[in-house]
Amino acid sequence: MTPLTIAAAQSISVAGDLAANIARHQRFMQVAAEQGVQLLVFPELSLTGYERGLAAELAIAPDAEVLRPLRDFAREVGVTSVVGMPIRLSDDSPVLIGALVLGADGSLGVYSKQHLHPGEEVAFAPGTGGSMLTIGGDTVALAVCADFSHASHAAAAAEQGADLYAAGVLITENGYALDTALLQGYAGTHSMTVLMANHGGATGGWESAGRSALWASDGSLIAAAPGTGNLMVVARREAGGWNGTVIDVTEA
């Protein structure tokens, strides 16, 4: 079993302020690099906030130049980072909830949320998912929030050989117990490590529960944030198994 360091970025988004959110993402990525993190996953729509009313205005092509500084930074610090953004695949295509994979090697991957929550259809169309990632010797499957509420989504990831199931989410206190029970269950059922990156504060009129977490492939909890706030949950796999820590990511 090769060493691996992954992290959930529990960031707080500024509504509709792409520049401010890019700067905050870079801060998280810098801290992640200092911790030796290889894969850093941000919450659903982390770069804009969960702002359905602004999605059509803010949606961009995945390779838009406005994200070039963030892509370059991921390469410079050597941390593959999964960031949330409303996207359009062409000028006249519908808006999708995207998870963009900014590779440590300079590559760009695109995942689009396949399953929408009720009410999201007013702003978004269902996406088509995306390719698996390879981080070191591990295969990673991505999910965005409601995707994981469909057991078939996690099962398909396992069937395709995923070692890690990584979800960027927005989960409130009311949904936290049920949703984390599902994710923990997938870890044990499918023998996959599971990562959940939740928002660190209120967004789009919803009060996030925070408490981002990671579970080992036997379903045991590796680490979880204690509440809300700009926090990073880091998990390291070494010869003796997993160990985790939570880091307070304050502004520079």
Protein backbone atom coordinates (compact mmCIF):
# COMPACT_ATOMS: atom_id res chain seq x y z
CA MET A 1 0.00 0.00 0.00
CA THR A 2 1.64 3.20 -1.20
CA PRO A 3 1.63 6.39 0.90
CA LEU A 4 -1.17 8.83 0.04
CA THR A 5 -2.19 12.23 1.41
CA ILE A 6 -5.62 13.66 0.56
CA ALA A 7 -7.69 16.49 2.00
CA ALA A 8 -11.16 18.00 2.12
CA ALA A 9 -11.09 21.79 1.77
CA GLN A 10 -13.94 23.10 3.91
CA SER A 11 -13.89 26.60 2.42
CA ILE A 12 -16.31 29.48 2.92
CA SER A 13 -17.44 30.97 -0.40
CA VAL A 14 -18.15 34.66 -1.06
CA ALA A 15 -21.39 34.84 -3.04
CA GLY A 16 -20.66 35.39 -6.73
CA ASP A 17 -17.17 36.82 -6.12
CA LEU A 18 -14.94 34.69 -8.30
CA ALA A 19 -11.79 36.72 -7.63
CA ALA A 20 -12.16 36.51 -3.85
CA ASN A 21 -12.93 32.82 -4.02
CA ILE A 22 -9.94 32.12 -6.26
CA ALA A 23 -7.72 33.85 -3.71
CA ARG A 24 -9.20 31.74 -0.91
CA HIS A 25 -8.75 28.57 -2.94
CA GLN A 26 -5.11 29.47 -3.51
CA ARG A 27 -4.66 29.87 0.24
CA PHE A 28 -6.08 26.38 0.80
CA MET A 29 -3.89 24.97 -1.97
CA GLN A 30 -0.79 26.55 -0.46
CA VAL A 31 -1.54 25.06 2.95
CA ALA A 32 -2.27 21.71 1.29
CA ALA A 33 1.10 21.80 -0.46
CA GLU A 34 2.82 22.47 2.88
CA GLN A 35 1.11 19.35 4.23
CA GLY A 36 2.17 17.21 1.28
CA VAL A 37 -1.39 16.81 0.02
CA GLN A 38 -1.68 15.14 -3.39
CA LEU A 39 -5.44 15.58 -3.90
CA LEU A 40 -7.48 18.48 -2.49
CA VAL A 41 -11.27 18.48 -2.94
CA PHE A 42 -13.44 21.60 -2.49
CA PRO A 43 -17.21 21.82 -1.87
CA GLU A 44 -19.95 21.94 -4.49
CA LEU A 45 -19.84 25.24 -6.45
CA SER A 46 -16.99 26.43 -4.23
CA LEU A 47 -15.78 29.15 -6.60
CA THR A 48 -19.11 31.00 -6.70
CA GLY A 49 -21.04 29.74 -3.71
CA TYR A 50 -24.23 27.72 -4.07
CA GLU A 51 -25.95 30.64 -5.79
CA ARG A 52 -28.61 29.27 -8.14
CA GLY A 53 -29.82 32.75 -9.06
CA LEU A 54 -26.35 33.75 -10.28
CA ALA A 55 -25.41 30.51 -12.00
CA ALA A 56 -26.36 31.46 -15.57
CA GLU A 57 -24.46 34.74 -15.30
CA LEU A 58 -21.38 33.16 -13.73
CA ALA A 59 -21.18 29.98 -15.80
CA ILE A 60 -18.00 29.61 -17.85
CA ALA A 61 -16.30 27.14 -20.15
CA PRO A 62 -14.11 24.76 -18.13
CA ASP A 63 -10.99 26.06 -19.89
CA ALA A 64 -11.89 29.76 -19.50
CA GLU A 65 -8.93 32.08 -19.05
CA VAL A 66 -10.40 33.48 -15.83
CA LEU A 67 -9.39 30.23 -14.13
CA ARG A 68 -5.88 30.21 -15.61
CA PRO A 69 -4.28 31.64 -12.42
CA LEU A 70 -5.85 28.86 -10.35
CA ARG A 71 -4.81 26.17 -12.82
CA ASP A 72 -1.27 27.54 -12.90
CA PHE A 73 -1.16 27.68 -9.11
CA ALA A 74 -2.23 24.04 -8.79
CA ARG A 75 0.64 23.10 -11.07
CA GLU A 76 3.13 25.35 -9.27
CA VAL A 77 2.38 23.95 -5.81
CA GLY A 78 1.92 20.40 -7.09
CA VAL A 79 -1.56 19.76 -5.67
CA THR A 80 -4.29 18.30 -7.87
CA SER A 81 -7.36 20.32 -6.85
CA VAL A 82 -11.04 19.66 -7.53
CA VAL A 83 -12.98 22.95 -7.54
CA GLY A 84 -16.69 23.67 -7.94
CA MET A 85 -17.98 25.96 -10.70
CA PRO A 86 -21.09 26.46 -12.86
CA ILE A 87 -20.04 25.52 -16.39
CA ARG A 88 -21.25 25.50 -19.98
CA LEU A 89 -19.67 23.07 -22.42
CA SER A 90 -20.54 25.38 -25.33
CA ASP A 91 -21.97 28.87 -25.75
CA ASP A 92 -25.53 27.63 -26.21
CA SER A 93 -25.46 24.64 -23.86
CA PRO A 94 -27.28 24.50 -20.50
CA VAL A 95 -25.59 25.33 -17.22
CA LEU A 96 -24.11 22.35 -15.38
CA ILE A 97 -22.77 21.98 -11.85
CA GLY A 98 -19.13 21.31 -12.56
CA ALA A 99 -16.25 19.88 -10.59
CA LEU A 100 -13.08 20.88 -12.40
CA VAL A 101 -9.93 18.86 -11.83
CA LEU A 102 -6.92 21.17 -11.90
CA GLY A 103 -4.07 18.72 -12.25
CA ALA A 104 -0.69 19.03 -10.57
CA ASP A 105 0.68 18.27 -14.04
CA GLY A 106 -1.20 21.20 -15.61
CA SER A 107 -4.01 19.06 -16.99
CA LEU A 108 -7.72 19.91 -16.81
CA GLY A 109 -10.47 17.39 -16.11
CA VAL A 110 -14.22 17.99 -16.11
CA TYR A 111 -16.87 16.25 -14.04
CA SER A 112 -20.52 17.40 -14.19
CA LYS A 113 -23.11 16.56 -11.53
CA GLN A 114 -25.35 13.79 -12.78
CA HIS A 115 -28.21 13.88 -10.25
CA LEU A 116 -29.95 17.12 -9.26
CA HIS A 117 -31.69 17.94 -6.00
CA PRO A 118 -35.35 18.99 -6.36
CA GLY A 119 -35.38 22.68 -7.30
CA GLU A 120 -31.96 22.68 -8.96
CA GLU A 121 -33.56 22.10 -12.35
CA VAL A 122 -34.59 25.78 -12.44
CA ALA A 123 -30.92 26.73 -12.82
CA PHE A 124 -29.08 23.62 -13.94
CA ALA A 125 -29.30 20.63 -16.24
CA PRO A 126 -28.13 17.13 -15.29
CA GLY A 127 -24.54 16.40 -16.29
CA THR A 128 -22.81 13.28 -17.47
CA GLY A 129 -20.19 12.64 -14.79
CA GLY A 130 -16.58 12.32 -15.85
CA SER A 131 -13.51 10.16 -15.98
CA MET A 132 -11.80 8.57 -13.02
CA LEU A 133 -8.62 10.19 -11.70
CA THR A 134 -5.31 8.56 -10.92
CA ILE A 135 -3.43 9.86 -7.89
CA GLY A 136 -0.25 7.91 -7.36
CA GLY A 137 -1.33 4.29 -7.39
CA ASP A 138 -4.96 5.06 -6.49
CA THR A 139 -8.04 5.45 -8.67
CA VAL A 140 -10.44 8.23 -7.67
CA ALA A 141 -14.13 8.62 -8.53
CA LEU A 142 -15.77 12.02 -8.12
CA ALA A 143 -19.28 12.90 -6.96
CA VAL A 144 -21.13 16.17 -6.41
CA CYS A 145 -23.67 16.24 -3.59
CA ALA A 146 -26.94 14.58 -4.75
CA ASP A 147 -24.94 12.13 -6.87
CA PHE A 148 -24.12 10.15 -3.74
CA SER A 149 -27.77 9.97 -2.67
CA HIS A 150 -28.16 7.42 -5.46
CA ALA A 151 -26.58 4.15 -4.33
CA SER A 152 -26.03 3.23 -7.97
CA HIS A 153 -23.54 6.09 -8.33
CA ALA A 154 -21.18 4.80 -5.65
CA ALA A 155 -21.70 1.21 -6.83
CA ALA A 156 -20.69 2.17 -10.36
CA ALA A 157 -17.56 3.85 -9.02
CA ALA A 158 -16.62 0.68 -7.14
CA GLU A 159 -17.29 -1.48 -10.20
CA GLN A 160 -14.89 0.72 -12.18
CA GLY A 161 -12.17 0.09 -9.62
CA ALA A 162 -12.31 3.23 -7.47
CA ASP A 163 -10.11 3.20 -4.38
CA LEU A 164 -11.38 6.62 -3.31
CA TYR A 165 -14.85 8.18 -3.67
CA ALA A 166 -14.54 11.97 -3.32
CA ALA A 167 -17.61 14.19 -2.98
CA GLY A 168 -17.90 17.98 -2.94
CA VAL A 169 -21.18 18.81 -1.20
CA LEU A 170 -23.51 21.26 0.46
CA ILE A 171 -25.08 19.54 3.45
CA THR A 172 -27.12 21.30 6.14
CA GLU A 173 -27.53 20.17 9.74
CA ASN A 174 -30.90 18.60 8.96
CA GLY A 175 -29.40 16.32 6.33
CA TYR A 176 -26.03 15.66 7.92
CA ALA A 177 -26.77 12.47 9.86
CA LEU A 178 -28.48 10.70 6.97
CA ASP A 179 -26.00 11.83 4.34
CA THR A 180 -22.90 10.92 6.31
CA ALA A 181 -24.42 7.54 7.16
CA LEU A 182 -24.77 6.91 3.42
CA LEU A 183 -21.17 7.90 2.73
CA GLN A 184 -19.79 5.89 5.62
CA GLY A 185 -21.86 2.94 4.42
CA TYR A 186 -20.39 3.18 0.93
CA ALA A 187 -16.89 3.05 2.42
CA GLY A 188 -17.55 -0.23 4.16
CA THR A 189 -19.77 -1.80 1.50
CA HIS A 190 -17.48 -1.05 -1.42
CA SER A 191 -14.11 -1.02 0.38
CA MET A 192 -13.44 2.52 -0.81
CA THR A 193 -11.96 5.42 1.14
CA VAL A 194 -14.61 8.17 1.12
CA LEU A 195 -13.95 11.93 1.28
CA MET A 196 -16.65 14.56 1.86
CA ALA A 197 -15.84 18.27 1.45
CA ASN A 198 -18.69 20.43 2.78
CA HIS A 199 -19.04 24.22 2.73
CA GLY A 200 -17.55 26.01 5.71
CA GLY A 201 -20.36 28.53 6.11
CA ALA A 202 -23.72 29.76 4.86
CA THR A 203 -24.17 29.86 1.10
CA GLY A 204 -27.12 30.50 -1.20
CA GLY A 205 -29.49 30.87 1.72
CA TRP A 206 -28.49 27.52 3.22
CA GLU A 207 -26.65 27.05 6.52
CA SER A 208 -23.98 24.45 5.91
CA ALA A 209 -23.24 21.97 8.69
CA GLY A 210 -19.53 21.97 7.89
CA ARG A 211 -17.98 18.90 9.57
CA SER A 212 -16.22 17.68 6.44
CA ALA A 213 -14.96 14.14 6.91
CA LEU A 214 -13.08 11.13 5.58
CA TRP A 215 -13.76 7.43 6.17
CA ALA A 216 -11.42 4.50 5.62
CA SER A 217 -12.36 1.57 3.41
CA ASP A 218 -13.69 -0.37 6.40
CA GLY A 219 -16.11 2.45 7.24
CA SER A 220 -14.14 3.78 10.21
CA LEU A 221 -13.84 7.54 10.58
CA ILE A 222 -10.35 8.88 9.82
CA ALA A 223 -11.01 12.51 10.70
CA ALA A 224 -13.77 15.15 10.69
CA ALA A 225 -13.92 18.90 11.11
CA PRO A 226 -15.51 19.84 14.45
CA GLY A 227 -17.95 22.33 12.93
CA THR A 228 -18.02 25.15 10.38
CA GLY A 229 -15.24 27.53 9.33
CA ASN A 230 -12.34 27.57 6.89
CA LEU A 231 -10.86 24.20 7.81
CA MET A 232 -8.90 21.49 6.03
CA VAL A 233 -9.33 17.83 6.92
CA VAL A 234 -6.14 15.99 5.97
CA ALA A 235 -5.78 12.21 5.83
CA ARG A 236 -2.48 10.38 5.41
CA ARG A 237 -2.15 6.71 4.52
CA GLU A 238 1.11 5.11 5.56
CA ALA A 239 2.25 1.57 6.26
CA GLY A 240 0.36 1.45 9.54
CA GLY A 241 -2.92 2.70 8.05
CA TRP A 242 -4.66 6.06 8.04
CA ASN A 243 -4.24 9.02 10.36
CA GLY A 244 -5.97 12.36 10.11
CA THR A 245 -5.74 15.95 11.28
CA VAL A 246 -7.77 19.15 10.97
CA ILE A 247 -6.06 22.43 10.11
CA ASP A 248 -7.48 25.93 10.57
CA VAL A 249 -6.91 27.73 7.26
CA THR A 250 -6.95 31.39 8.18
CA GLU A 251 -6.50 34.15 5.63
CA ALA A 252 -2.97 35.23 4.87
